[in-house]
N, C-alpha and C. Protein backbone atom coordinates (compact mmCIF):
# COMPACT_ATOMS: atom_id res chain seq x y z
N MET A 1 202.64 -58.35 -90.45
CA MET A 1 202.28 -58.45 -90.78
C MET A 1 201.50 -59.44 -91.71
N GLU A 2 200.87 -58.85 -93.28
CA GLU A 2 200.38 -59.89 -94.53
C GLU A 2 200.47 -61.08 -95.18
N ASP A 3 200.18 -62.00 -94.99
CA ASP A 3 201.26 -63.41 -96.04
C ASP A 3 201.31 -63.25 -96.79
N THR A 4 201.90 -63.48 -97.95
CA THR A 4 201.44 -62.62 -99.57
C THR A 4 202.31 -64.46 -100.20
N SER A 5 201.60 -65.22 -99.48
CA SER A 5 201.70 -66.70 -100.16
C SER A 5 200.57 -67.36 -100.57
N PRO A 6 200.51 -68.16 -101.49
CA PRO A 6 199.46 -68.82 -101.23
C PRO A 6 199.08 -69.92 -100.76
N ARG A 7 197.61 -70.48 -100.27
CA ARG A 7 197.53 -71.37 -99.40
C ARG A 7 196.40 -72.02 -100.44
N LEU A 8 196.59 -73.02 -100.21
CA LEU A 8 197.01 -74.62 -100.49
C LEU A 8 195.34 -75.70 -100.00
N PHE A 9 193.90 -75.99 -100.59
CA PHE A 9 193.30 -76.49 -99.72
C PHE A 9 192.53 -77.51 -101.05
N ARG A 10 191.65 -78.71 -99.99
CA ARG A 10 191.18 -79.22 -100.91
C ARG A 10 189.24 -79.25 -99.76
N LEU A 11 189.10 -79.64 -101.21
CA LEU A 11 187.30 -80.09 -100.94
C LEU A 11 187.14 -81.30 -100.69
N GLU A 12 186.50 -81.24 -99.23
CA GLU A 12 186.04 -82.63 -98.74
C GLU A 12 184.32 -82.74 -98.77
N ARG A 13 183.87 -83.18 -99.61
CA ARG A 13 182.54 -83.53 -99.53
C ARG A 13 181.89 -84.58 -98.62
N ASP A 14 181.38 -84.55 -98.13
CA ASP A 14 180.21 -85.73 -97.43
C ASP A 14 179.36 -85.99 -97.75
N THR A 15 178.71 -85.73 -98.10
CA THR A 15 177.36 -86.02 -99.08
C THR A 15 177.12 -84.66 -100.38
N ASP A 16 176.79 -85.89 -101.86
CA ASP A 16 176.86 -85.01 -102.61
C ASP A 16 175.06 -84.25 -102.88
N VAL A 17 175.15 -84.31 -102.47
CA VAL A 17 173.69 -82.97 -103.18
C VAL A 17 173.10 -82.85 -104.23
N THR A 18 174.02 -82.66 -105.27
CA THR A 18 173.34 -82.68 -106.27
C THR A 18 173.68 -83.80 -107.27
N GLY A 19 174.24 -84.98 -106.84
CA GLY A 19 174.81 -86.24 -107.73
C GLY A 19 175.63 -86.03 -108.96
N ILE A 20 176.30 -84.95 -108.88
CA ILE A 20 177.61 -84.69 -109.71
C ILE A 20 179.12 -84.68 -109.70
N SER A 21 179.91 -85.18 -108.25
CA SER A 21 180.91 -84.99 -107.97
C SER A 21 181.27 -85.90 -107.24
N GLY A 22 180.80 -86.18 -107.11
CA GLY A 22 181.39 -88.13 -105.10
C GLY A 22 181.28 -86.89 -104.02
N THR A 23 181.73 -88.22 -103.27
CA THR A 23 182.31 -88.13 -102.00
C THR A 23 183.70 -87.47 -102.03
N GLY A 24 184.23 -87.68 -100.53
CA GLY A 24 185.38 -87.56 -100.42
C GLY A 24 185.75 -86.64 -101.18
N THR A 25 187.71 -86.19 -100.78
CA THR A 25 188.33 -85.33 -102.03
C THR A 25 186.79 -84.75 -103.33
N VAL A 26 186.31 -84.16 -104.22
CA VAL A 26 186.36 -84.05 -105.42
C VAL A 26 187.18 -82.59 -106.41
N ALA A 27 187.55 -81.70 -105.05
CA ALA A 27 188.85 -80.38 -105.87
C ALA A 27 189.52 -80.26 -105.17
N ASP A 28 190.85 -79.89 -105.72
CA ASP A 28 192.07 -78.90 -105.12
C ASP A 28 191.62 -77.47 -105.53
N GLY A 29 192.27 -77.00 -104.06
CA GLY A 29 191.74 -75.44 -105.08
C GLY A 29 193.65 -74.54 -104.44
N VAL A 30 193.19 -73.08 -104.33
CA VAL A 30 194.65 -72.72 -103.66
C VAL A 30 193.69 -71.12 -103.95
N LYS A 31 194.00 -70.61 -102.13
CA LYS A 31 193.82 -69.18 -101.89
C LYS A 31 193.88 -67.65 -102.31
N TRP A 32 194.22 -67.40 -103.15
CA TRP A 32 195.60 -66.42 -103.21
C TRP A 32 195.94 -65.52 -102.68
N PRO A 33 196.61 -64.56 -102.66
CA PRO A 33 196.94 -62.99 -101.28
C PRO A 33 196.33 -62.56 -102.02
N ASP A 34 195.65 -62.00 -102.80
CA ASP A 34 194.25 -61.08 -103.27
C ASP A 34 193.21 -61.16 -102.36
N GLY A 35 193.68 -62.46 -102.53
CA GLY A 35 191.59 -62.96 -101.81
C GLY A 35 190.96 -63.76 -102.78
N SER A 36 191.72 -63.92 -104.24
CA SER A 36 191.03 -65.09 -105.04
C SER A 36 191.37 -66.33 -105.01
N THR A 37 190.79 -66.53 -105.71
CA THR A 37 190.48 -68.10 -105.00
C THR A 37 190.12 -68.92 -106.19
N SER A 38 191.13 -69.73 -106.26
CA SER A 38 190.92 -71.25 -107.99
C SER A 38 190.69 -72.59 -107.66
N ILE A 39 189.39 -72.99 -107.95
CA ILE A 39 189.46 -73.99 -108.07
C ILE A 39 189.23 -75.06 -108.46
N ARG A 40 190.10 -76.48 -108.57
CA ARG A 40 189.80 -77.29 -109.70
C ARG A 40 189.36 -78.43 -109.32
N TRP A 41 188.61 -78.98 -110.76
CA TRP A 41 187.88 -79.89 -109.76
C TRP A 41 188.05 -81.44 -110.47
N ARG A 42 188.21 -82.49 -109.43
CA ARG A 42 188.59 -83.37 -110.15
C ARG A 42 187.21 -84.58 -110.63
N GLY A 43 188.25 -85.83 -110.77
CA GLY A 43 186.97 -86.72 -111.46
C GLY A 43 186.60 -86.74 -113.23
N ASP A 44 185.91 -87.56 -113.52
CA ASP A 44 186.17 -87.32 -114.96
C ASP A 44 185.86 -86.76 -116.09
N ARG A 45 185.17 -85.63 -115.46
CA ARG A 45 185.39 -84.12 -116.50
C ARG A 45 185.52 -83.00 -115.58
N PRO A 46 187.51 -83.10 -115.43
CA PRO A 46 187.48 -82.02 -114.55
C PRO A 46 187.58 -80.88 -114.72
N SER A 47 187.64 -79.44 -114.52
CA SER A 47 187.97 -77.78 -114.25
C SER A 47 188.34 -77.46 -113.82
N ILE A 48 188.93 -75.96 -114.37
CA ILE A 48 188.93 -75.24 -113.18
C ILE A 48 187.66 -73.76 -113.75
N VAL A 49 187.82 -73.16 -112.53
CA VAL A 49 187.14 -72.17 -111.85
C VAL A 49 187.79 -71.11 -111.20
N HIS A 50 187.15 -70.08 -111.05
CA HIS A 50 188.75 -68.79 -110.55
C HIS A 50 187.29 -67.20 -109.88
N TRP A 51 187.48 -68.09 -108.63
CA TRP A 51 186.22 -66.80 -107.66
C TRP A 51 186.86 -65.69 -107.57
N ALA A 52 185.99 -64.59 -107.29
CA ALA A 52 187.21 -62.98 -106.84
C ALA A 52 186.86 -62.82 -105.53
N ARG A 53 186.58 -64.28 -104.17
CA ARG A 53 186.85 -64.22 -103.57
C ARG A 53 186.23 -65.33 -102.85
N LEU A 54 186.74 -65.85 -101.68
CA LEU A 54 186.42 -66.93 -101.61
C LEU A 54 185.60 -67.60 -100.72
N GLU A 55 184.55 -66.47 -100.02
CA GLU A 55 183.97 -67.08 -100.22
C GLU A 55 182.44 -67.22 -100.69
N ASP A 56 182.87 -66.22 -102.30
CA ASP A 56 182.08 -66.86 -103.05
C ASP A 56 181.66 -67.99 -103.03
N ALA A 57 183.01 -68.29 -103.24
CA ALA A 57 182.58 -70.25 -104.47
C ALA A 57 182.54 -71.11 -102.76
N GLU A 58 182.71 -70.77 -101.22
CA GLU A 58 181.41 -71.40 -100.39
C GLU A 58 180.20 -71.28 -100.35
N ALA A 59 180.23 -70.19 -101.28
CA ALA A 59 178.60 -69.70 -101.05
C ALA A 59 178.10 -71.02 -102.03
N ILE A 60 178.99 -71.43 -103.15
CA ILE A 60 178.14 -72.10 -104.10
C ILE A 60 178.28 -73.36 -103.83
N HIS A 61 180.34 -74.15 -103.68
CA HIS A 61 179.92 -74.32 -103.92
C HIS A 61 179.85 -76.23 -102.01
N GLY A 62 179.74 -74.84 -100.76
CA GLY A 62 180.15 -75.53 -99.73
C GLY A 62 178.27 -76.39 -99.56
N HIS A 63 177.36 -76.22 -99.62
CA HIS A 63 175.84 -76.86 -99.77
C HIS A 63 175.89 -77.05 -98.44
N GLY A 64 175.46 -75.47 -97.71
CA GLY A 64 175.02 -75.89 -96.36
C GLY A 64 175.97 -76.89 -95.52
N GLY A 65 177.04 -76.69 -95.92
CA GLY A 65 178.46 -77.31 -94.34
C GLY A 65 178.44 -78.89 -95.42
N ALA A 66 177.78 -79.03 -96.60
CA ALA A 66 177.65 -80.84 -96.91
C ALA A 66 179.30 -81.12 -96.92
N THR A 67 179.63 -79.87 -98.01
CA THR A 67 181.38 -79.77 -98.27
C THR A 67 181.76 -78.56 -97.41
N ARG A 68 183.51 -79.47 -97.26
CA ARG A 68 184.97 -78.56 -96.18
C ARG A 68 185.95 -78.12 -97.17
N PHE A 69 185.98 -77.29 -96.41
CA PHE A 69 187.31 -76.61 -97.52
C PHE A 69 188.36 -76.68 -96.08
N VAL A 70 188.88 -77.56 -96.49
CA VAL A 70 190.35 -78.23 -95.33
C VAL A 70 191.40 -77.57 -95.97
N TRP A 71 192.25 -77.00 -95.14
CA TRP A 71 194.07 -75.31 -95.60
C TRP A 71 194.88 -77.16 -95.54
N ALA A 72 194.98 -77.15 -96.28
CA ALA A 72 196.85 -78.53 -96.47
C ALA A 72 198.09 -77.49 -94.80
N ASP A 73 198.45 -76.07 -94.88
CA ASP A 73 198.50 -75.69 -94.12
C ASP A 73 198.26 -75.24 -92.77
N THR A 74 196.73 -75.83 -92.38
CA THR A 74 196.77 -76.14 -91.43
C THR A 74 196.98 -77.55 -90.90
N GLU A 75 196.52 -78.36 -91.15
CA GLU A 75 196.49 -80.36 -92.03
C GLU A 75 198.49 -80.20 -90.56
N ALA A 76 199.19 -79.64 -91.62
CA ALA A 76 200.25 -79.06 -91.54
C ALA A 76 201.57 -79.57 -90.61
N ALA A 77 200.57 -78.14 -89.63
CA ALA A 77 200.56 -78.31 -88.74
C ALA A 77 200.48 -78.93 -87.52
N ARG A 78 199.44 -80.07 -87.56
CA ARG A 78 198.67 -81.12 -86.32
C ARG A 78 199.86 -82.08 -86.34
């Protein structure tokens, strides 16, 4: 059975390669049941971006592993 619930995550940045967002928790996000993804940036200039696929958001914002997508439901299971 396919999960029809949104999944919450946060972006944890270990290295700020752009010098803009800083390190630590830099954004909060939702992966919607259709696979699209919304990210809300924290900080002095918060914004929201919407991606058609999670993989696209990871390709742009992951910075080769410098930013991790940390899933809330995975952490809750620990």
